[in-house]
Amino acid sequence: MTRRSNARLAGISFLLYVVLGISSMIVMGRATRGEGIAAILANAAQHLFEIRLAGLLVLFSAFCAVALGVSLYSVTREQDSDLALLGLVFRVGEGIVGGVAAQRTLGTAWLVSGGNAPTGEGAQALGSFLLYGSGGPVAAIFFAVGSTLFSWLLLRGRMIPPLIAWLGVVASLLWVVGMPLQILGILRGALTYPLWILMAAFELPFAVWLIVKGVAPARRAAA
């Protein structure tokens, strides 16, 4: 693929990644409403299609993470092949963790569909794990490190406007720090909102720029 094609693929993957992620949260949220795990599972049993759809959306977003890793690696490897490869590995790792999350979502559909699934307290315990033990922050850490590396390479190579590149570096570094704090229970609730806002402020303009303008040759390669 050409440099322009890889940039366009990265931009489209970014947009799809955001749309699929938000859509899966909305669909899953509607299917798992209720007070207490018993009520949530009872409501989920009435929305099996939505839960399975959410699982597919999560899986497709994992595909987008892998596509992002490959395409961004292709356009940044001229600047530093080792760092670009490291960014690719982290984005692929994010996709793998996302695939596991999709499996857990589909496991929730199996749990509430009857058949050989456990019932009673066993079902509630397993349901709590499937719904709330998805390891989301783990995937976010992989994402944050990969995003930091690629943003830094794009900035150092002057391949995109400096403002967008700097915003990507800052937003990604905040995620690198913030996600472990979230796992530790130090950062929670409204305190996480700035992280999401800054990342959205970077990713959306960056995606549009990649689709419309592409990326310039790396400064080091041009020299």
C-alpha atoms as a PDB file:
ATOM      1  CA  MET A   1       0.000   0.000   0.000  1.00  0.00           C
ATOM      2  CA  THR A   2       1.121   3.561  -0.668  1.00  0.00           C
ATOM      3  CA  ARG A   3       1.801   6.115   2.053  1.00  0.00           C
ATOM      4  CA  ARG A   4      -1.395   7.950   1.124  1.00  0.00           C
ATOM      5  CA  SER A   5      -3.443   4.751   1.280  1.00  0.00           C
ATOM      6  CA  ASN A   6      -2.061   3.866   4.707  1.00  0.00           C
ATOM      7  CA  ALA A   7      -2.873   7.340   6.009  1.00  0.00           C
ATOM      8  CA  ARG A   8      -6.418   7.085   4.679  1.00  0.00           C
ATOM      9  CA  LEU A   9      -6.815   3.622   6.204  1.00  0.00           C
ATOM     10  CA  ALA A  10      -5.626   4.959   9.563  1.00  0.00           C
ATOM     11  CA  GLY A  11      -8.092   7.849   9.430  1.00  0.00           C
ATOM     12  CA  ILE A  12     -11.033   5.622   8.541  1.00  0.00           C
ATOM     13  CA  SER A  13     -10.010   3.131  11.216  1.00  0.00           C
ATOM     14  CA  PHE A  14      -9.887   5.921  13.796  1.00  0.00           C
ATOM     15  CA  LEU A  15     -13.421   7.033  12.971  1.00  0.00           C
ATOM     16  CA  LEU A  16     -14.780   3.489  12.913  1.00  0.00           C
ATOM     17  CA  TYR A  17     -13.001   2.748  16.196  1.00  0.00           C
ATOM     18  CA  VAL A  18     -14.770   5.671  17.885  1.00  0.00           C
ATOM     19  CA  VAL A  19     -18.180   4.947  16.348  1.00  0.00           C
ATOM     20  CA  LEU A  20     -18.064   1.216  17.123  1.00  0.00           C
ATOM     21  CA  GLY A  21     -16.853   1.795  20.683  1.00  0.00           C
ATOM     22  CA  ILE A  22     -19.561   4.318  21.507  1.00  0.00           C
ATOM     23  CA  SER A  23     -22.250   2.223  19.793  1.00  0.00           C
ATOM     24  CA  SER A  24     -21.287  -0.912  21.727  1.00  0.00           C
ATOM     25  CA  MET A  25     -21.487   0.958  25.050  1.00  0.00           C
ATOM     26  CA  ILE A  26     -24.898   2.382  24.184  1.00  0.00           C
ATOM     27  CA  VAL A  27     -26.307  -0.960  23.031  1.00  0.00           C
ATOM     28  CA  MET A  28     -24.881  -2.873  25.996  1.00  0.00           C
ATOM     29  CA  GLY A  29     -26.037  -0.202  28.431  1.00  0.00           C
ATOM     30  CA  ARG A  30     -29.638  -0.488  27.234  1.00  0.00           C
ATOM     31  CA  ALA A  31     -29.560  -4.278  27.461  1.00  0.00           C
ATOM     32  CA  THR A  32     -28.118  -4.390  30.993  1.00  0.00           C
ATOM     33  CA  ARG A  33     -30.245  -1.885  32.854  1.00  0.00           C
ATOM     34  CA  GLY A  34     -31.482  -2.710  36.314  1.00  0.00           C
ATOM     35  CA  GLU A  35     -30.851  -2.431  40.032  1.00  0.00           C
ATOM     36  CA  GLY A  36     -28.713  -5.309  41.228  1.00  0.00           C
ATOM     37  CA  ILE A  37     -27.187  -8.153  39.271  1.00  0.00           C
ATOM     38  CA  ALA A  38     -30.355 -10.279  39.337  1.00  0.00           C
ATOM     39  CA  ALA A  39     -32.421  -7.518  37.712  1.00  0.00           C
ATOM     40  CA  ILE A  40     -29.668  -6.811  35.196  1.00  0.00           C
ATOM     41  CA  LEU A  41     -29.480 -10.449  34.099  1.00  0.00           C
ATOM     42  CA  ALA A  42     -33.260 -10.656  33.877  1.00  0.00           C
ATOM     43  CA  ASN A  43     -33.314  -7.598  31.613  1.00  0.00           C
ATOM     44  CA  ALA A  44     -30.417  -8.975  29.570  1.00  0.00           C
ATOM     45  CA  ALA A  45     -32.378 -12.160  28.929  1.00  0.00           C
ATOM     46  CA  GLN A  46     -34.977 -10.021  27.161  1.00  0.00           C
ATOM     47  CA  HIS A  47     -32.346  -8.358  24.980  1.00  0.00           C
ATOM     48  CA  LEU A  48     -30.210 -11.224  23.695  1.00  0.00           C
ATOM     49  CA  PHE A  49     -29.934  -9.758  20.217  1.00  0.00           C
ATOM     50  CA  GLU A  50     -28.631  -6.445  21.566  1.00  0.00           C
ATOM     51  CA  ILE A  51     -26.004  -8.177  23.711  1.00  0.00           C
ATOM     52  CA  ARG A  52     -24.790 -10.266  20.783  1.00  0.00           C
ATOM     53  CA  LEU A  53     -24.722  -7.134  18.630  1.00  0.00           C
ATOM     54  CA  ALA A  54     -22.652  -5.351  21.272  1.00  0.00           C
ATOM     55  CA  GLY A  55     -20.222  -8.262  21.252  1.00  0.00           C
ATOM     56  CA  LEU A  56     -19.794  -7.987  17.492  1.00  0.00           C
ATOM     57  CA  LEU A  57     -19.281  -4.228  17.727  1.00  0.00           C
ATOM     58  CA  VAL A  58     -16.539  -4.725  20.325  1.00  0.00           C
ATOM     59  CA  LEU A  59     -14.914  -7.355  18.123  1.00  0.00           C
ATOM     60  CA  PHE A  60     -14.964  -5.077  15.072  1.00  0.00           C
ATOM     61  CA  SER A  61     -13.476  -2.235  17.121  1.00  0.00           C
ATOM     62  CA  ALA A  62     -10.649  -4.631  18.045  1.00  0.00           C
ATOM     63  CA  PHE A  63     -10.079  -5.174  14.319  1.00  0.00           C
ATOM     64  CA  CYS A  64      -9.842  -1.396  13.921  1.00  0.00           C
ATOM     65  CA  ALA A  65      -7.164  -1.252  16.628  1.00  0.00           C
ATOM     66  CA  VAL A  66      -5.074  -3.772  14.700  1.00  0.00           C
ATOM     67  CA  ALA A  67      -5.617  -1.902  11.419  1.00  0.00           C
ATOM     68  CA  LEU A  68      -4.564   1.322  13.129  1.00  0.00           C
ATOM     69  CA  GLY A  69      -1.392  -0.290  14.405  1.00  0.00           C
ATOM     70  CA  VAL A  70      -0.411  -1.588  10.975  1.00  0.00           C
ATOM     71  CA  SER A  71      -1.242   1.603   9.061  1.00  0.00           C
ATOM     72  CA  LEU A  72       0.411   3.962  11.558  1.00  0.00           C
ATOM     73  CA  TYR A  73       3.471   1.748  11.636  1.00  0.00           C
ATOM     74  CA  SER A  74       3.701   2.013   7.863  1.00  0.00           C
ATOM     75  CA  VAL A  75       3.691   5.827   7.883  1.00  0.00           C
ATOM     76  CA  THR A  76       6.024   6.308  10.896  1.00  0.00           C
ATOM     77  CA  ARG A  77       8.655   3.600  10.437  1.00  0.00           C
ATOM     78  CA  GLU A  78      10.787   5.941   8.322  1.00  0.00           C
ATOM     79  CA  GLN A  79      11.217   8.146  11.370  1.00  0.00           C
ATOM     80  CA  ASP A  80      12.186   5.370  13.785  1.00  0.00           C
ATOM     81  CA  SER A  81      11.485   1.764  12.857  1.00  0.00           C
ATOM     82  CA  ASP A  82      12.030   0.424  16.390  1.00  0.00           C
ATOM     83  CA  LEU A  83       9.605   2.819  18.086  1.00  0.00           C
ATOM     84  CA  ALA A  84       7.103   2.340  15.258  1.00  0.00           C
ATOM     85  CA  LEU A  85       7.275  -1.426  15.698  1.00  0.00           C
ATOM     86  CA  LEU A  86       6.785  -1.029  19.448  1.00  0.00           C
ATOM     87  CA  GLY A  87       3.715   1.118  18.807  1.00  0.00           C
ATOM     88  CA  LEU A  88       2.387  -1.552  16.441  1.00  0.00           C
ATOM     89  CA  VAL A  89       2.832  -4.255  19.089  1.00  0.00           C
ATOM     90  CA  PHE A  90       0.935  -2.246  21.692  1.00  0.00           C
ATOM     91  CA  ARG A  91      -1.959  -1.503  19.340  1.00  0.00           C
ATOM     92  CA  VAL A  92      -2.151  -5.167  18.337  1.00  0.00           C
ATOM     93  CA  GLY A  93      -2.089  -6.068  22.041  1.00  0.00           C
ATOM     94  CA  GLU A  94      -4.995  -3.683  22.535  1.00  0.00           C
ATOM     95  CA  GLY A  95      -6.880  -5.484  19.795  1.00  0.00           C
ATOM     96  CA  ILE A  96      -6.244  -8.873  21.408  1.00  0.00           C
ATOM     97  CA  VAL A  97      -7.509  -7.659  24.781  1.00  0.00           C
ATOM     98  CA  GLY A  98     -10.520  -6.211  22.963  1.00  0.00           C
ATOM     99  CA  GLY A  99     -11.191  -9.611  21.420  1.00  0.00           C
ATOM    100  CA  VAL A 100     -11.254 -11.125  24.911  1.00  0.00           C
ATOM    101  CA  ALA A 101     -13.727  -8.435  25.978  1.00  0.00           C
ATOM    102  CA  ALA A 102     -15.942  -9.346  23.013  1.00  0.00           C
ATOM    103  CA  GLN A 103     -15.835 -12.981  24.115  1.00  0.00           C
ATOM    104  CA  ARG A 104     -17.001 -11.983  27.588  1.00  0.00           C
ATOM    105  CA  THR A 105     -19.862  -9.965  26.132  1.00  0.00           C
ATOM    106  CA  LEU A 106     -20.947 -12.976  24.086  1.00  0.00           C
ATOM    107  CA  GLY A 107     -20.514 -15.064  27.247  1.00  0.00           C
ATOM    108  CA  THR A 108     -23.098 -12.858  28.907  1.00  0.00           C
ATOM    109  CA  ALA A 109     -25.534 -13.700  26.119  1.00  0.00           C
ATOM    110  CA  TRP A 110     -24.868 -17.401  26.709  1.00  0.00           C
ATOM    111  CA  LEU A 111     -25.380 -17.001  30.456  1.00  0.00           C
ATOM    112  CA  VAL A 112     -28.835 -15.444  30.175  1.00  0.00           C
ATOM    113  CA  SER A 113     -30.022 -17.605  27.287  1.00  0.00           C
ATOM    114  CA  GLY A 114     -30.641 -20.678  29.439  1.00  0.00           C
ATOM    115  CA  GLY A 115     -29.541 -24.088  28.237  1.00  0.00           C
ATOM    116  CA  ASN A 116     -26.481 -25.386  30.052  1.00  0.00           C
ATOM    117  CA  ALA A 117     -25.741 -22.077  31.772  1.00  0.00           C
ATOM    118  CA  PRO A 118     -25.708 -21.982  35.604  1.00  0.00           C
ATOM    119  CA  THR A 119     -28.631 -20.564  37.527  1.00  0.00           C
ATOM    120  CA  GLY A 120     -29.207 -18.893  40.867  1.00  0.00           C
ATOM    121  CA  GLU A 121     -26.232 -17.578  42.798  1.00  0.00           C
ATOM    122  CA  GLY A 122     -23.805 -19.178  40.368  1.00  0.00           C
ATOM    123  CA  ALA A 123     -25.329 -17.242  37.491  1.00  0.00           C
ATOM    124  CA  GLN A 124     -25.185 -13.994  39.455  1.00  0.00           C
ATOM    125  CA  ALA A 125     -21.535 -14.493  40.378  1.00  0.00           C
ATOM    126  CA  LEU A 126     -20.560 -15.335  36.808  1.00  0.00           C
ATOM    127  CA  GLY A 127     -22.690 -12.491  35.473  1.00  0.00           C
ATOM    128  CA  SER A 128     -20.931 -10.004  37.759  1.00  0.00           C
ATOM    129  CA  PHE A 129     -17.567 -11.173  36.455  1.00  0.00           C
ATOM    130  CA  LEU A 130     -18.608 -11.064  32.793  1.00  0.00           C
ATOM    131  CA  LEU A 131     -20.192  -7.626  33.074  1.00  0.00           C
ATOM    132  CA  TYR A 132     -17.775  -5.848  35.399  1.00  0.00           C
ATOM    133  CA  GLY A 133     -14.506  -7.782  35.076  1.00  0.00           C
ATOM    134  CA  SER A 134     -13.863  -7.100  31.391  1.00  0.00           C
ATOM    135  CA  GLY A 135     -10.432  -5.571  31.932  1.00  0.00           C
ATOM    136  CA  GLY A 136     -11.269  -2.368  30.047  1.00  0.00           C
ATOM    137  CA  PRO A 137      -8.468  -0.296  31.655  1.00  0.00           C
ATOM    138  CA  VAL A 138      -5.967  -2.965  30.592  1.00  0.00           C
ATOM    139  CA  ALA A 139      -6.846  -2.481  26.932  1.00  0.00           C
ATOM    140  CA  ALA A 140      -6.766   1.273  27.523  1.00  0.00           C
ATOM    141  CA  ILE A 141      -3.175   1.070  28.802  1.00  0.00           C
ATOM    142  CA  PHE A 142      -2.079  -0.786  25.670  1.00  0.00           C
ATOM    143  CA  PHE A 143      -3.904   1.843  23.615  1.00  0.00           C
ATOM    144  CA  ALA A 144      -2.316   4.735  25.535  1.00  0.00           C
ATOM    145  CA  VAL A 145       1.261   3.512  25.138  1.00  0.00           C
ATOM    146  CA  GLY A 146       0.798   2.807  21.435  1.00  0.00           C
ATOM    147  CA  SER A 147      -0.860   6.179  20.910  1.00  0.00           C
ATOM    148  CA  THR A 148       1.973   7.948  22.752  1.00  0.00           C
ATOM    149  CA  LEU A 149       4.627   6.309  20.587  1.00  0.00           C
ATOM    150  CA  PHE A 150       2.896   7.042  17.296  1.00  0.00           C
ATOM    151  CA  SER A 151       2.048  10.615  18.308  1.00  0.00           C
ATOM    152  CA  TRP A 152       5.663  11.255  19.261  1.00  0.00           C
ATOM    153  CA  LEU A 153       6.932   9.877  15.942  1.00  0.00           C
ATOM    154  CA  LEU A 154       4.439  11.995  14.005  1.00  0.00           C
ATOM    155  CA  LEU A 155       5.515  15.056  15.970  1.00  0.00           C
ATOM    156  CA  ARG A 156       9.231  14.410  15.647  1.00  0.00           C
ATOM    157  CA  GLY A 157       8.926  13.778  11.922  1.00  0.00           C
ATOM    158  CA  ARG A 158       6.709  16.845  11.371  1.00  0.00           C
ATOM    159  CA  MET A 159       4.304  14.603   9.468  1.00  0.00           C
ATOM    160  CA  ILE A 160       1.126  16.291  10.723  1.00  0.00           C
ATOM    161  CA  PRO A 161       0.433  19.793  12.081  1.00  0.00           C
ATOM    162  CA  PRO A 162       2.391  20.304  15.331  1.00  0.00           C
ATOM    163  CA  LEU A 163      -0.718  21.339  17.264  1.00  0.00           C
ATOM    164  CA  ILE A 164      -2.462  18.042  16.529  1.00  0.00           C
ATOM    165  CA  ALA A 165       0.693  16.052  17.204  1.00  0.00           C
ATOM    166  CA  TRP A 166       1.385  17.786  20.534  1.00  0.00           C
ATOM    167  CA  LEU A 167      -2.236  17.282  21.585  1.00  0.00           C
ATOM    168  CA  GLY A 168      -1.853  13.583  20.785  1.00  0.00           C
ATOM    169  CA  VAL A 169       1.323  13.295  22.866  1.00  0.00           C
ATOM    170  CA  VAL A 170      -0.191  15.092  25.875  1.00  0.00           C
ATOM    171  CA  ALA A 171      -3.547  13.289  25.726  1.00  0.00           C
ATOM    172  CA  SER A 172      -1.857   9.894  25.340  1.00  0.00           C
ATOM    173  CA  LEU A 173       0.576  10.494  28.209  1.00  0.00           C
ATOM    174  CA  LEU A 174      -2.325  11.461  30.453  1.00  0.00           C
ATOM    175  CA  TRP A 175      -3.893   8.098  29.629  1.00  0.00           C
ATOM    176  CA  VAL A 176      -0.617   6.305  30.373  1.00  0.00           C
ATOM    177  CA  VAL A 177      -0.675   7.862  33.843  1.00  0.00           C
ATOM    178  CA  GLY A 178      -4.437   7.899  34.373  1.00  0.00           C
ATOM    179  CA  MET A 179      -5.349   4.311  33.524  1.00  0.00           C
ATOM    180  CA  PRO A 180      -3.100   2.697  36.184  1.00  0.00           C
ATOM    181  CA  LEU A 181      -4.513   5.210  38.682  1.00  0.00           C
ATOM    182  CA  GLN A 182      -7.999   4.121  37.651  1.00  0.00           C
ATOM    183  CA  ILE A 183      -7.088   0.473  38.239  1.00  0.00           C
ATOM    184  CA  LEU A 184      -5.806   1.418  41.698  1.00  0.00           C
ATOM    185  CA  GLY A 185      -9.102   3.207  42.429  1.00  0.00           C
ATOM    186  CA  ILE A 186      -7.444   6.613  42.818  1.00  0.00           C
ATOM    187  CA  LEU A 187      -8.887   8.125  39.642  1.00  0.00           C
ATOM    188  CA  ARG A 188     -12.593   7.552  39.175  1.00  0.00           C
ATOM    189  CA  GLY A 189     -15.885   9.111  38.137  1.00  0.00           C
ATOM    190  CA  ALA A 190     -15.788  12.689  36.884  1.00  0.00           C
ATOM    191  CA  LEU A 191     -12.016  12.840  37.345  1.00  0.00           C
ATOM    192  CA  THR A 192     -11.637  10.661  34.228  1.00  0.00           C
ATOM    193  CA  TYR A 193     -13.655  13.010  32.000  1.00  0.00           C
ATOM    194  CA  PRO A 194     -10.713  15.287  31.029  1.00  0.00           C
ATOM    195  CA  LEU A 195      -8.840  12.245  29.727  1.00  0.00           C
ATOM    196  CA  TRP A 196     -11.701  11.319  27.396  1.00  0.00           C
ATOM    197  CA  ILE A 197     -12.257  14.923  26.274  1.00  0.00           C
ATOM    198  CA  LEU A 198      -8.604  15.514  25.410  1.00  0.00           C
ATOM    199  CA  MET A 199      -8.326  12.219  23.554  1.00  0.00           C
ATOM    200  CA  ALA A 200     -11.454  12.974  21.523  1.00  0.00           C
ATOM    201  CA  ALA A 201     -10.104  16.461  20.771  1.00  0.00           C
ATOM    202  CA  PHE A 202      -7.011  14.771  19.313  1.00  0.00           C
ATOM    203  CA  GLU A 203      -8.429  11.717  17.559  1.00  0.00           C
ATOM    204  CA  LEU A 204     -11.282  13.300  15.619  1.00  0.00           C
ATOM    205  CA  PRO A 205      -9.263  16.114  13.959  1.00  0.00           C
ATOM    206  CA  PHE A 206      -6.377  13.698  13.447  1.00  0.00           C
ATOM    207  CA  ALA A 207      -8.630  11.185  11.697  1.00  0.00           C
ATOM    208  CA  VAL A 208     -10.075  13.843   9.398  1.00  0.00           C
ATOM    209  CA  TRP A 209      -6.587  15.161   8.618  1.00  0.00           C
ATOM    210  CA  LEU A 210      -5.357  11.679   7.703  1.00  0.00           C
ATOM    211  CA  ILE A 211      -8.278  11.119   5.351  1.00  0.00           C
ATOM    212  CA  VAL A 212      -8.156  14.537   3.680  1.00  0.00           C
ATOM    213  CA  LYS A 213      -4.461  15.507   3.793  1.00  0.00           C
ATOM    214  CA  GLY A 214      -2.568  12.329   4.618  1.00  0.00           C
ATOM    215  CA  VAL A 215       0.888  12.599   6.197  1.00  0.00           C
ATOM    216  CA  ALA A 216       3.979  14.393   4.990  1.00  0.00           C
ATOM    217  CA  PRO A 217       7.265  12.489   4.530  1.00  0.00           C
ATOM    218  CA  ALA A 218       9.198  12.214   7.767  1.00  0.00           C
ATOM    219  CA  ARG A 219      11.639  15.066   8.277  1.00  0.00           C
ATOM    220  CA  ARG A 220      14.461  12.603   8.828  1.00  0.00           C
ATOM    221  CA  ALA A 221      13.576  10.698   5.639  1.00  0.00           C
ATOM    222  CA  ALA A 222      13.331  13.920   3.654  1.00  0.00           C
ATOM    223  CA  ALA A 223      16.787  14.965   4.832  1.00  0.00           C
END
